[in-house]
Structure formats: structure tokens, C-alpha cells
Amino acid sequence: AEMRAGNLAAAEIHYQECVAIVERADGVGSPRLVIPLTGLGETYMRGQMYLQASEAFQRALRLNHAEAGFYNAEQVKILDGLAESYLGMDKLSQANAQQRVQVQIAERRAGKASPDTVAALQKLGRWYSRTGQYPESRAAWQQS
């Protein structure tokens, strides 16, 4: 709520407190940390603190992978945040990788010709277009 209201300092404090509570109760490897770490990453993104955002998203992603595996659909929001944080740090190739892996997730889960994979390719096409990578955008749309 604090983040949505634009009170980023308060949101950061609350997310950090939540992380600390879960770590004390369940340990630093708890999958329950994924949600507050993702929120913390989003808060940092809104404050243009891209390095801190990427660190929060990376930790959330590691915990997500440990709990649900490398090809779970629940990680998409984390991957999007991580891509945006990399983009904010002018690390376009790393940002692109976070978007491309989403296509791989859809292909693994539903198959190459599935509506989910088509949607992931279309999302990738929009990403490439938004970031000025027009040949890559065209290729992603042609694959979809």
C-alpha cells in the first residue's frame, strides 16, 4: 500500500521488516521470502535504485527456483522486474535474457505451438519494440 501511494521510504522499511521477520521465523532460504523480496525490488525500481532492485529480484528468483524449479510460471513477475532493473542499469543483453527465458518457460510447460508460447513470443516482441530492437521484435512476432 505504501509503495502504491508513492511513499517509497516507508514501503522499503516495511518490506525489509517483513524479510527480517520471515528470515527469523523460517530461515534465509524460506520460499515465503519471495513475495516481500519482489515487493522490495518493485519499490527500488520505482525509486530508480536499479542495483538494489536487481539484488532483491535475483534473491527472490533463486528462492523461487529452489522451491518450484527453473521452469515455473510463477517466476514471470520476478523476471520482468529483473529485466527492468537491468534495463535501468543499461545492461540490455541481461535484460533481454530475462525476457527470452519466459518463452522457454512457456515452451517447456505447454509446447511450442501452445497459446501460452504464442503469448510469450508476442510479449517478447513488444519488449524488443519498446527497447528499440526492431529486427528482434519482428523476428519474435514472426515466430508467434
N, C-alpha and C. Protein backbone atom coordinates (compact mmCIF):
# COMPACT_ATOMS: atom_id res chain seq x y z
N ALA A 1 0.83 -1.20 0.00
CA ALA A 1 0.00 0.00 0.00
C ALA A 1 0.87 1.25 0.00
N GLU A 2 1.94 1.22 0.79
CA GLU A 2 2.83 2.38 0.84
C GLU A 2 3.47 2.63 -0.52
N MET A 3 3.88 1.57 -1.18
CA MET A 3 4.51 1.71 -2.49
C MET A 3 3.53 2.31 -3.49
N ARG A 4 2.30 1.80 -3.50
CA ARG A 4 1.29 2.30 -4.44
C ARG A 4 0.95 3.76 -4.17
N ALA A 5 1.05 4.16 -2.91
CA ALA A 5 0.77 5.55 -2.54
C ALA A 5 1.96 6.46 -2.82
N GLY A 6 3.07 5.88 -3.23
CA GLY A 6 4.24 6.69 -3.55
C GLY A 6 5.17 6.95 -2.38
N ASN A 7 4.88 6.35 -1.24
CA ASN A 7 5.73 6.53 -0.07
C ASN A 7 6.79 5.42 -0.08
N LEU A 8 7.79 5.61 -0.91
CA LEU A 8 8.77 4.56 -1.15
C LEU A 8 9.64 4.27 0.06
N ALA A 9 9.98 5.31 0.83
CA ALA A 9 10.82 5.08 2.02
C ALA A 9 10.10 4.18 3.02
N ALA A 10 8.82 4.44 3.24
CA ALA A 10 8.05 3.61 4.17
C ALA A 10 7.87 2.21 3.61
N ALA A 11 7.63 2.10 2.31
CA ALA A 11 7.47 0.78 1.70
C ALA A 11 8.75 -0.03 1.85
N GLU A 12 9.89 0.60 1.60
CA GLU A 12 11.17 -0.10 1.75
C GLU A 12 11.34 -0.62 3.17
N ILE A 13 11.05 0.20 4.14
CA ILE A 13 11.19 -0.20 5.55
C ILE A 13 10.27 -1.37 5.85
N HIS A 14 9.03 -1.30 5.40
CA HIS A 14 8.08 -2.37 5.69
C HIS A 14 8.48 -3.68 5.02
N TYR A 15 8.93 -3.61 3.78
CA TYR A 15 9.37 -4.84 3.11
C TYR A 15 10.61 -5.41 3.80
N GLN A 16 11.54 -4.57 4.19
CA GLN A 16 12.73 -5.05 4.88
C GLN A 16 12.36 -5.69 6.22
N GLU A 17 11.41 -5.09 6.92
CA GLU A 17 10.95 -5.68 8.18
C GLU A 17 10.30 -7.03 7.94
N CYS A 18 9.52 -7.14 6.90
CA CYS A 18 8.87 -8.41 6.57
C CYS A 18 9.92 -9.47 6.25
N VAL A 19 10.93 -9.10 5.47
CA VAL A 19 12.01 -10.03 5.15
C VAL A 19 12.68 -10.50 6.44
N ALA A 20 12.98 -9.57 7.33
CA ALA A 20 13.64 -9.92 8.58
C ALA A 20 12.78 -10.87 9.43
N ILE A 21 11.49 -10.62 9.48
CA ILE A 21 10.58 -11.48 10.26
C ILE A 21 10.58 -12.90 9.70
N VAL A 22 10.46 -13.02 8.38
CA VAL A 22 10.42 -14.35 7.76
C VAL A 22 11.76 -15.06 7.95
N GLU A 23 12.86 -14.32 7.79
CA GLU A 23 14.18 -14.94 7.98
C GLU A 23 14.35 -15.47 9.40
N ARG A 24 13.87 -14.70 10.38
CA ARG A 24 13.97 -15.17 11.78
C ARG A 24 13.10 -16.39 12.02
N ALA A 25 11.91 -16.39 11.43
CA ALA A 25 10.97 -17.49 11.68
C ALA A 25 11.30 -18.74 10.87
N ASP A 26 11.68 -18.56 9.60
CA ASP A 26 11.81 -19.71 8.70
C ASP A 26 13.22 -19.90 8.15
N GLY A 27 14.10 -18.94 8.33
CA GLY A 27 15.45 -19.04 7.78
C GLY A 27 15.60 -18.25 6.49
N VAL A 28 16.85 -18.06 6.09
CA VAL A 28 17.14 -17.22 4.92
C VAL A 28 16.79 -17.89 3.59
N GLY A 29 16.50 -19.16 3.61
CA GLY A 29 16.14 -19.87 2.40
C GLY A 29 14.66 -20.12 2.25
N SER A 30 13.86 -19.44 3.04
CA SER A 30 12.42 -19.68 3.02
C SER A 30 11.78 -19.21 1.73
N PRO A 31 10.93 -20.04 1.13
CA PRO A 31 10.20 -19.59 -0.05
C PRO A 31 9.20 -18.48 0.26
N ARG A 32 8.88 -18.32 1.53
CA ARG A 32 7.97 -17.23 1.93
C ARG A 32 8.62 -15.86 1.73
N LEU A 33 9.91 -15.82 1.46
CA LEU A 33 10.61 -14.55 1.22
C LEU A 33 10.39 -14.01 -0.20
N VAL A 34 9.92 -14.85 -1.10
CA VAL A 34 9.79 -14.43 -2.49
C VAL A 34 8.89 -13.20 -2.63
N ILE A 35 7.75 -13.20 -1.99
CA ILE A 35 6.80 -12.09 -2.14
C ILE A 35 7.37 -10.79 -1.57
N PRO A 36 7.86 -10.76 -0.32
CA PRO A 36 8.40 -9.48 0.15
C PRO A 36 9.65 -9.02 -0.61
N LEU A 37 10.47 -9.95 -1.06
CA LEU A 37 11.64 -9.55 -1.85
C LEU A 37 11.22 -8.98 -3.20
N THR A 38 10.19 -9.53 -3.80
CA THR A 38 9.68 -8.99 -5.05
C THR A 38 9.10 -7.59 -4.82
N GLY A 39 8.38 -7.43 -3.74
CA GLY A 39 7.85 -6.10 -3.40
C GLY A 39 8.97 -5.10 -3.14
N LEU A 40 10.02 -5.55 -2.46
CA LEU A 40 11.16 -4.69 -2.21
C LEU A 40 11.82 -4.30 -3.53
N GLY A 41 11.96 -5.26 -4.43
CA GLY A 41 12.52 -4.96 -5.75
C GLY A 41 11.68 -3.95 -6.51
N GLU A 42 10.37 -4.10 -6.46
CA GLU A 42 9.48 -3.15 -7.13
C GLU A 42 9.59 -1.77 -6.52
N THR A 43 9.74 -1.71 -5.21
CA THR A 43 9.91 -0.43 -4.53
C THR A 43 11.20 0.25 -4.99
N TYR A 44 12.27 -0.51 -5.03
CA TYR A 44 13.54 0.05 -5.51
C TYR A 44 13.42 0.50 -6.96
N MET A 45 12.71 -0.25 -7.78
CA MET A 45 12.53 0.14 -9.18
C MET A 45 11.83 1.49 -9.28
N ARG A 46 10.79 1.66 -8.51
CA ARG A 46 10.05 2.94 -8.55
C ARG A 46 10.94 4.09 -8.10
N GLY A 47 11.88 3.81 -7.23
CA GLY A 47 12.82 4.83 -6.77
C GLY A 47 14.06 4.93 -7.64
N GLN A 48 14.08 4.22 -8.76
CA GLN A 48 15.20 4.20 -9.70
C GLN A 48 16.51 3.75 -9.03
N MET A 49 16.37 2.86 -8.08
CA MET A 49 17.52 2.26 -7.40
C MET A 49 17.72 0.88 -8.03
N TYR A 50 18.26 0.88 -9.25
CA TYR A 50 18.26 -0.32 -10.07
C TYR A 50 19.16 -1.43 -9.54
N LEU A 51 20.30 -1.08 -8.99
CA LEU A 51 21.19 -2.11 -8.45
C LEU A 51 20.51 -2.83 -7.28
N GLN A 52 19.94 -2.08 -6.36
CA GLN A 52 19.24 -2.69 -5.23
C GLN A 52 18.05 -3.52 -5.70
N ALA A 53 17.35 -3.01 -6.71
CA ALA A 53 16.21 -3.75 -7.26
C ALA A 53 16.68 -5.08 -7.83
N SER A 54 17.76 -5.05 -8.61
CA SER A 54 18.24 -6.30 -9.22
C SER A 54 18.66 -7.29 -8.14
N GLU A 55 19.27 -6.82 -7.06
CA GLU A 55 19.67 -7.73 -5.99
C GLU A 55 18.47 -8.37 -5.32
N ALA A 56 17.42 -7.59 -5.07
CA ALA A 56 16.20 -8.14 -4.45
C ALA A 56 15.54 -9.15 -5.39
N PHE A 57 15.43 -8.80 -6.67
CA PHE A 57 14.81 -9.71 -7.64
C PHE A 57 15.64 -10.98 -7.82
N GLN A 58 16.96 -10.86 -7.86
CA GLN A 58 17.82 -12.04 -8.00
C GLN A 58 17.65 -12.99 -6.83
N ARG A 59 17.58 -12.44 -5.64
CA ARG A 59 17.39 -13.30 -4.46
C ARG A 59 16.02 -13.97 -4.51
N ALA A 60 15.00 -13.20 -4.88
CA ALA A 60 13.66 -13.78 -4.99
C ALA A 60 13.64 -14.90 -6.04
N LEU A 61 14.34 -14.68 -7.14
CA LEU A 61 14.37 -15.68 -8.21
C LEU A 61 15.08 -16.96 -7.75
N ARG A 62 16.20 -16.82 -7.03
CA ARG A 62 16.90 -18.00 -6.51
C ARG A 62 15.99 -18.81 -5.58
N LEU A 63 15.28 -18.12 -4.71
CA LEU A 63 14.37 -18.81 -3.78
C LEU A 63 13.21 -19.46 -4.53
N ASN A 64 12.70 -18.77 -5.54
CA ASN A 64 11.63 -19.32 -6.36
C ASN A 64 12.10 -20.59 -7.05
N HIS A 65 13.30 -20.56 -7.63
CA HIS A 65 13.83 -21.74 -8.32
C HIS A 65 14.03 -22.90 -7.35
N ALA A 66 14.51 -22.60 -6.16
CA ALA A 66 14.73 -23.66 -5.17
C ALA A 66 13.42 -24.33 -4.78
N GLU A 67 12.37 -23.56 -4.74
CA GLU A 67 11.07 -24.09 -4.33
C GLU A 67 10.30 -24.74 -5.48
N ALA A 68 10.29 -24.10 -6.65
CA ALA A 68 9.39 -24.53 -7.71
C ALA A 68 10.08 -24.97 -8.99
N GLY A 69 11.39 -24.94 -9.04
CA GLY A 69 12.11 -25.36 -10.24
C GLY A 69 12.35 -24.21 -11.21
N PHE A 70 13.15 -24.51 -12.22
CA PHE A 70 13.58 -23.47 -13.15
C PHE A 70 12.53 -23.05 -14.16
N TYR A 71 11.53 -23.85 -14.40
CA TYR A 71 10.57 -23.57 -15.46
C TYR A 71 9.16 -23.35 -14.94
N ASN A 72 9.03 -22.74 -13.76
CA ASN A 72 7.70 -22.48 -13.22
C ASN A 72 7.19 -21.12 -13.68
N ALA A 73 5.90 -21.03 -13.87
CA ALA A 73 5.28 -19.81 -14.38
C ALA A 73 5.23 -18.69 -13.33
N GLU A 74 5.36 -19.03 -12.07
CA GLU A 74 5.26 -18.03 -11.01
C GLU A 74 6.42 -17.04 -11.03
N GLN A 75 7.49 -17.37 -11.71
CA GLN A 75 8.66 -16.51 -11.71
C GLN A 75 8.59 -15.36 -12.72
N VAL A 76 7.56 -15.34 -13.55
CA VAL A 76 7.48 -14.35 -14.63
C VAL A 76 7.52 -12.92 -14.07
N LYS A 77 6.79 -12.65 -13.03
CA LYS A 77 6.78 -11.30 -12.44
C LYS A 77 8.19 -10.93 -11.96
N ILE A 78 8.88 -11.86 -11.38
CA ILE A 78 10.25 -11.61 -10.91
C ILE A 78 11.17 -11.34 -12.11
N LEU A 79 11.04 -12.15 -13.15
CA LEU A 79 11.86 -11.97 -14.35
C LEU A 79 11.61 -10.61 -14.99
N ASP A 80 10.35 -10.18 -15.02
CA ASP A 80 10.03 -8.87 -15.57
C ASP A 80 10.70 -7.76 -14.75
N GLY A 81 10.62 -7.87 -13.43
CA GLY A 81 11.27 -6.88 -12.58
C GLY A 81 12.77 -6.87 -12.76
N LEU A 82 13.34 -8.06 -12.85
CA LEU A 82 14.79 -8.17 -13.05
C LEU A 82 15.19 -7.56 -14.40
N ALA A 83 14.40 -7.82 -15.43
CA ALA A 83 14.68 -7.24 -16.75
C ALA A 83 14.64 -5.71 -16.69
N GLU A 84 13.64 -5.17 -16.03
CA GLU A 84 13.54 -3.71 -15.92
C GLU A 84 14.70 -3.13 -15.13
N SER A 85 15.14 -3.83 -14.09
CA SER A 85 16.27 -3.31 -13.31
C SER A 85 17.55 -3.33 -14.15
N TYR A 86 17.75 -4.39 -14.92
CA TYR A 86 18.91 -4.43 -15.82
C TYR A 86 18.82 -3.33 -16.87
N LEU A 87 17.65 -3.10 -17.39
CA LEU A 87 17.47 -2.04 -18.37
C LEU A 87 17.83 -0.68 -17.75
N GLY A 88 17.42 -0.48 -16.51
CA GLY A 88 17.75 0.76 -15.81
C GLY A 88 19.24 0.94 -15.61
N MET A 89 19.98 -0.16 -15.56
CA MET A 89 21.44 -0.10 -15.40
C MET A 89 22.16 -0.17 -16.76
N ASP A 90 21.40 -0.04 -17.86
CA ASP A 90 21.96 -0.12 -19.21
C ASP A 90 22.64 -1.45 -19.49
N LYS A 91 22.06 -2.52 -18.99
CA LYS A 91 22.55 -3.88 -19.25
C LYS A 91 21.51 -4.58 -20.12
N LEU A 92 21.44 -4.14 -21.36
CA LEU A 92 20.39 -4.60 -22.26
C LEU A 92 20.46 -6.10 -22.53
N SER A 93 21.65 -6.64 -22.71
CA SER A 93 21.73 -8.08 -23.02
C SER A 93 21.22 -8.91 -21.83
N GLN A 94 21.51 -8.48 -20.60
CA GLN A 94 21.00 -9.21 -19.44
C GLN A 94 19.48 -9.04 -19.32
N ALA A 95 18.99 -7.85 -19.63
CA ALA A 95 17.55 -7.61 -19.60
C ALA A 95 16.85 -8.49 -20.63
N ASN A 96 17.43 -8.55 -21.84
CA ASN A 96 16.84 -9.39 -22.89
C ASN A 96 16.78 -10.84 -22.46
N ALA A 97 17.81 -11.31 -21.80
CA ALA A 97 17.85 -12.72 -21.38
C ALA A 97 16.69 -13.03 -20.44
N GLN A 98 16.32 -12.10 -19.58
CA GLN A 98 15.21 -12.33 -18.65
C GLN A 98 13.89 -12.43 -19.40
N GLN A 99 13.78 -11.72 -20.50
CA GLN A 99 12.57 -11.78 -21.31
C GLN A 99 12.53 -13.04 -22.16
N ARG A 100 13.68 -13.41 -22.73
CA ARG A 100 13.72 -14.61 -23.58
C ARG A 100 13.45 -15.89 -22.80
N VAL A 101 13.90 -15.94 -21.56
CA VAL A 101 13.69 -17.16 -20.77
C VAL A 101 12.20 -17.41 -20.55
N GLN A 102 11.40 -16.36 -20.61
CA GLN A 102 9.96 -16.54 -20.44
C GLN A 102 9.35 -17.34 -21.59
N VAL A 103 9.91 -17.19 -22.78
CA VAL A 103 9.46 -18.00 -23.91
C VAL A 103 9.83 -19.46 -23.66
N GLN A 104 11.04 -19.69 -23.17
CA GLN A 104 11.47 -21.06 -22.87
C GLN A 104 10.57 -21.70 -21.81
N ILE A 105 10.19 -20.93 -20.82
CA ILE A 105 9.30 -21.45 -19.77
C ILE A 105 7.98 -21.88 -20.39
N ALA A 106 7.41 -21.02 -21.23
CA ALA A 106 6.13 -21.36 -21.87
C ALA A 106 6.26 -22.58 -22.76
N GLU A 107 7.36 -22.67 -23.53
CA GLU A 107 7.57 -23.83 -24.40
C GLU A 107 7.68 -25.12 -23.59
N ARG A 108 8.42 -25.07 -22.49
CA ARG A 108 8.59 -26.27 -21.65
C ARG A 108 7.29 -26.69 -21.01
N ARG A 109 6.49 -25.73 -20.59
CA ARG A 109 5.26 -26.04 -19.87
C ARG A 109 4.12 -26.45 -20.80
N ALA A 110 4.05 -25.82 -21.98
CA ALA A 110 2.85 -26.03 -22.81
C ALA A 110 3.14 -26.46 -24.24
N GLY A 111 4.38 -26.42 -24.66
CA GLY A 111 4.72 -26.79 -26.02
C GLY A 111 4.90 -25.58 -26.92
N LYS A 112 5.61 -25.79 -28.02
CA LYS A 112 5.96 -24.68 -28.92
C LYS A 112 4.75 -24.04 -29.59
N ALA A 113 3.73 -24.80 -29.88
CA ALA A 113 2.58 -24.28 -30.61
C ALA A 113 1.43 -23.85 -29.70
N SER A 114 1.67 -23.81 -28.41
CA SER A 114 0.59 -23.50 -27.46
C SER A 114 0.27 -22.00 -27.44
N PRO A 115 -0.95 -21.66 -27.05
CA PRO A 115 -1.31 -20.25 -26.89
C PRO A 115 -0.40 -19.53 -25.88
N ASP A 116 0.04 -20.24 -24.85
CA ASP A 116 0.94 -19.62 -23.86
C ASP A 116 2.27 -19.24 -24.50
N THR A 117 2.79 -20.08 -25.35
CA THR A 117 4.06 -19.78 -26.02
C THR A 117 3.88 -18.64 -27.01
N VAL A 118 2.78 -18.64 -27.73
CA VAL A 118 2.49 -17.53 -28.64
C VAL A 118 2.41 -16.22 -27.87
N ALA A 119 1.71 -16.24 -26.74
CA ALA A 119 1.61 -15.03 -25.92
C ALA A 119 2.99 -14.58 -25.42
N ALA A 120 3.83 -15.53 -25.03
CA ALA A 120 5.17 -15.19 -24.56
C ALA A 120 6.01 -14.59 -25.69
N LEU A 121 5.88 -15.12 -26.89
CA LEU A 121 6.60 -14.56 -28.05
C LEU A 121 6.10 -13.15 -28.38
N GLN A 122 4.80 -12.95 -28.27
CA GLN A 122 4.25 -11.62 -28.53
C GLN A 122 4.72 -10.62 -27.47
N LYS A 123 4.78 -11.07 -26.24
CA LYS A 123 5.30 -10.21 -25.17
C LYS A 123 6.77 -9.87 -25.45
N LEU A 124 7.54 -10.86 -25.89
CA LEU A 124 8.94 -10.63 -26.23
C LEU A 124 9.04 -9.63 -27.38
N GLY A 125 8.17 -9.75 -28.36
CA GLY A 125 8.15 -8.80 -29.47
C GLY A 125 7.88 -7.38 -28.99
N ARG A 126 6.93 -7.23 -28.08
CA ARG A 126 6.64 -5.90 -27.52
C ARG A 126 7.84 -5.35 -26.75
N TRP A 127 8.52 -6.23 -26.00
CA TRP A 127 9.71 -5.83 -25.25
C TRP A 127 10.78 -5.29 -26.19
N TYR A 128 11.06 -6.08 -27.22
CA TYR A 128 12.08 -5.65 -28.18
C TYR A 128 11.70 -4.33 -28.83
N SER A 129 10.44 -4.17 -29.17
CA SER A 129 9.99 -2.93 -29.79
C SER A 129 10.14 -1.76 -28.82
N ARG A 130 9.74 -1.96 -27.58
CA ARG A 130 9.83 -0.90 -26.56
C ARG A 130 11.27 -0.48 -26.32
N THR A 131 12.20 -1.41 -26.47
CA THR A 131 13.60 -1.11 -26.21
C THR A 131 14.38 -0.78 -27.49
N GLY A 132 13.65 -0.57 -28.59
CA GLY A 132 14.27 -0.14 -29.83
C GLY A 132 15.01 -1.21 -30.61
N GLN A 133 14.72 -2.45 -30.35
CA GLN A 133 15.37 -3.58 -31.03
C GLN A 133 14.40 -4.13 -32.07
N TYR A 134 14.26 -3.38 -33.15
CA TYR A 134 13.20 -3.67 -34.12
C TYR A 134 13.40 -4.95 -34.91
N PRO A 135 14.61 -5.29 -35.36
CA PRO A 135 14.75 -6.58 -36.06
C PRO A 135 14.40 -7.77 -35.15
N GLU A 136 14.81 -7.69 -33.88
CA GLU A 136 14.49 -8.75 -32.93
C GLU A 136 12.98 -8.80 -32.67
N SER A 137 12.36 -7.63 -32.62
CA SER A 137 10.92 -7.58 -32.42
C SER A 137 10.19 -8.26 -33.58
N ARG A 138 10.59 -7.92 -34.78
CA ARG A 138 9.98 -8.53 -35.96
C ARG A 138 10.14 -10.05 -35.93
N ALA A 139 11.34 -10.52 -35.55
CA ALA A 139 11.59 -11.96 -35.51
C ALA A 139 10.69 -12.64 -34.48
N ALA A 140 10.53 -12.02 -33.33
CA ALA A 140 9.68 -12.62 -32.29
C ALA A 140 8.24 -12.68 -32.75
N TRP A 141 7.76 -11.61 -33.40
CA TRP A 141 6.39 -11.62 -33.90
C TRP A 141 6.20 -12.66 -35.00
N GLN A 142 7.21 -12.84 -35.84
CA GLN A 142 7.10 -13.83 -36.90
C GLN A 142 7.07 -15.26 -36.34
N GLN A 143 7.74 -15.47 -35.21
CA GLN A 143 7.71 -16.80 -34.58
C GLN A 143 6.37 -17.08 -33.93
N SER A 144 5.66 -16.04 -33.53
CA SER A 144 4.41 -16.25 -32.77
C SER A 144 3.25 -16.72 -33.60
